[in-house]
Amino acid sequence: MSNSNEATAEKNSLRIAYQDFAKKAREQGFNAIAMVFENIATTEKQHEHSQVKQ
């Protein structure tokens, strides 16, 4: 696996982790914290897409 593929896989797994954190936070009633994790996941996805285009 190339370095760029490894980086993409790592970023994807981090994004999924942030989504999972958001879900757990929301389930426990921490809506503001869930929103922070969701925003991080969205930012990671946008960053990933911008790196692919370059």
N, C-alpha and C. Protein backbone atom coordinates (compact mmCIF):
# COMPACT_ATOMS: atom_id res chain seq x y z
N MET A 1 0.86 -1.18 0.00
CA MET A 1 0.00 0.00 0.00
C MET A 1 0.90 1.23 0.00
N SER A 2 0.58 2.21 -0.83
CA SER A 2 1.38 3.43 -0.91
C SER A 2 1.11 4.32 0.29
N ASN A 3 2.00 5.27 0.49
CA ASN A 3 1.84 6.20 1.61
C ASN A 3 0.54 6.99 1.50
N SER A 4 0.18 7.40 0.29
CA SER A 4 -1.05 8.17 0.14
C SER A 4 -2.28 7.30 0.42
N ASN A 5 -2.23 6.04 0.03
CA ASN A 5 -3.34 5.13 0.33
C ASN A 5 -3.44 4.89 1.83
N GLU A 6 -2.30 4.75 2.48
CA GLU A 6 -2.29 4.55 3.93
C GLU A 6 -2.86 5.78 4.64
N ALA A 7 -2.48 6.95 4.19
CA ALA A 7 -2.98 8.19 4.79
C ALA A 7 -4.48 8.31 4.59
N THR A 8 -4.96 7.98 3.40
CA THR A 8 -6.40 8.05 3.12
C THR A 8 -7.16 7.06 4.00
N ALA A 9 -6.65 5.86 4.14
CA ALA A 9 -7.30 4.85 4.98
C ALA A 9 -7.34 5.31 6.44
N GLU A 10 -6.24 5.91 6.89
CA GLU A 10 -6.18 6.39 8.27
C GLU A 10 -7.18 7.52 8.49
N LYS A 11 -7.25 8.46 7.56
CA LYS A 11 -8.20 9.57 7.69
C LYS A 11 -9.64 9.05 7.66
N ASN A 12 -9.90 8.06 6.82
CA ASN A 12 -11.24 7.48 6.75
C ASN A 12 -11.61 6.83 8.08
N SER A 13 -10.68 6.11 8.66
CA SER A 13 -10.98 5.45 9.94
C SER A 13 -11.16 6.48 11.05
N LEU A 14 -10.40 7.57 11.00
CA LEU A 14 -10.60 8.64 11.99
C LEU A 14 -11.97 9.28 11.83
N ARG A 15 -12.37 9.52 10.58
CA ARG A 15 -13.68 10.12 10.33
C ARG A 15 -14.79 9.23 10.88
N ILE A 16 -14.66 7.93 10.66
CA ILE A 16 -15.65 6.99 11.17
C ILE A 16 -15.66 7.01 12.70
N ALA A 17 -14.47 7.09 13.30
CA ALA A 17 -14.38 7.15 14.76
C ALA A 17 -15.09 8.40 15.29
N TYR A 18 -14.88 9.56 14.63
CA TYR A 18 -15.55 10.78 15.07
C TYR A 18 -17.06 10.65 14.95
N GLN A 19 -17.52 9.99 13.89
CA GLN A 19 -18.96 9.77 13.74
C GLN A 19 -19.49 8.88 14.86
N ASP A 20 -18.73 7.86 15.23
CA ASP A 20 -19.12 6.98 16.33
C ASP A 20 -19.15 7.74 17.65
N PHE A 21 -18.14 8.59 17.88
CA PHE A 21 -18.10 9.40 19.10
C PHE A 21 -19.33 10.30 19.17
N ALA A 22 -19.69 10.88 18.03
CA ALA A 22 -20.86 11.76 17.97
C ALA A 22 -22.13 10.99 18.32
N LYS A 23 -22.26 9.81 17.77
CA LYS A 23 -23.44 8.99 18.04
C LYS A 23 -23.55 8.66 19.51
N LYS A 24 -22.44 8.26 20.12
CA LYS A 24 -22.45 7.91 21.55
C LYS A 24 -22.75 9.13 22.41
N ALA A 25 -22.17 10.26 22.05
CA ALA A 25 -22.42 11.48 22.81
C ALA A 25 -23.90 11.86 22.73
N ARG A 26 -24.47 11.78 21.54
CA ARG A 26 -25.89 12.11 21.35
C ARG A 26 -26.78 11.16 22.15
N GLU A 27 -26.44 9.87 22.14
CA GLU A 27 -27.21 8.87 22.89
C GLU A 27 -27.20 9.17 24.39
N GLN A 28 -26.11 9.76 24.86
CA GLN A 28 -25.97 10.07 26.28
C GLN A 28 -26.46 11.48 26.63
N GLY A 29 -27.01 12.16 25.63
CA GLY A 29 -27.59 13.47 25.88
C GLY A 29 -26.63 14.64 25.74
N PHE A 30 -25.44 14.39 25.22
CA PHE A 30 -24.44 15.45 25.04
C PHE A 30 -24.49 15.97 23.60
N ASN A 31 -25.58 16.67 23.29
CA ASN A 31 -25.80 17.11 21.92
C ASN A 31 -24.74 18.09 21.42
N ALA A 32 -24.29 18.99 22.27
CA ALA A 32 -23.28 19.97 21.85
C ALA A 32 -21.97 19.26 21.52
N ILE A 33 -21.60 18.29 22.32
CA ILE A 33 -20.37 17.54 22.07
C ILE A 33 -20.54 16.70 20.80
N ALA A 34 -21.71 16.14 20.60
CA ALA A 34 -21.97 15.37 19.39
C ALA A 34 -21.79 16.25 18.16
N MET A 35 -22.27 17.47 18.23
CA MET A 35 -22.13 18.39 17.10
C MET A 35 -20.66 18.69 16.81
N VAL A 36 -19.85 18.81 17.85
CA VAL A 36 -18.42 19.06 17.64
C VAL A 36 -17.80 17.89 16.88
N PHE A 37 -18.08 16.65 17.32
CA PHE A 37 -17.53 15.49 16.64
C PHE A 37 -18.04 15.39 15.21
N GLU A 38 -19.32 15.71 14.99
CA GLU A 38 -19.86 15.69 13.62
C GLU A 38 -19.17 16.72 12.74
N ASN A 39 -18.89 17.89 13.30
CA ASN A 39 -18.18 18.93 12.53
C ASN A 39 -16.77 18.49 12.19
N ILE A 40 -16.10 17.83 13.12
CA ILE A 40 -14.76 17.33 12.85
C ILE A 40 -14.81 16.29 11.74
N ALA A 41 -15.77 15.37 11.81
CA ALA A 41 -15.90 14.34 10.78
C ALA A 41 -16.15 14.97 9.41
N THR A 42 -17.00 15.98 9.36
CA THR A 42 -17.29 16.67 8.10
C THR A 42 -16.04 17.37 7.56
N THR A 43 -15.32 18.02 8.44
CA THR A 43 -14.09 18.70 8.04
C THR A 43 -13.07 17.72 7.51
N GLU A 44 -12.93 16.59 8.18
CA GLU A 44 -12.00 15.55 7.72
C GLU A 44 -12.38 15.06 6.32
N LYS A 45 -13.67 14.87 6.09
CA LYS A 45 -14.13 14.40 4.78
C LYS A 45 -13.83 15.44 3.70
N GLN A 46 -14.09 16.71 4.01
CA GLN A 46 -13.81 17.77 3.04
C GLN A 46 -12.31 17.86 2.76
N HIS A 47 -11.51 17.72 3.79
CA HIS A 47 -10.06 17.78 3.63
C HIS A 47 -9.58 16.60 2.77
N GLU A 48 -10.14 15.44 3.02
CA GLU A 48 -9.79 14.25 2.24
C GLU A 48 -10.09 14.46 0.76
N HIS A 49 -11.26 15.03 0.47
CA HIS A 49 -11.64 15.27 -0.92
C HIS A 49 -10.75 16.32 -1.57
N SER A 50 -10.34 17.32 -0.81
CA SER A 50 -9.47 18.35 -1.39
C SER A 50 -8.08 17.79 -1.69
N GLN A 51 -7.62 16.83 -0.89
CA GLN A 51 -6.32 16.21 -1.12
C GLN A 51 -6.35 15.30 -2.34
N VAL A 52 -7.46 14.64 -2.59
CA VAL A 52 -7.59 13.74 -3.73
C VAL A 52 -7.55 14.53 -5.03
N LYS A 53 -8.14 15.73 -5.03
CA LYS A 53 -8.20 16.55 -6.24
C LYS A 53 -6.84 17.10 -6.63
N GLN A 54 -5.91 17.22 -5.68
CA GLN A 54 -4.61 17.82 -5.97
C GLN A 54 -3.70 16.90 -6.70
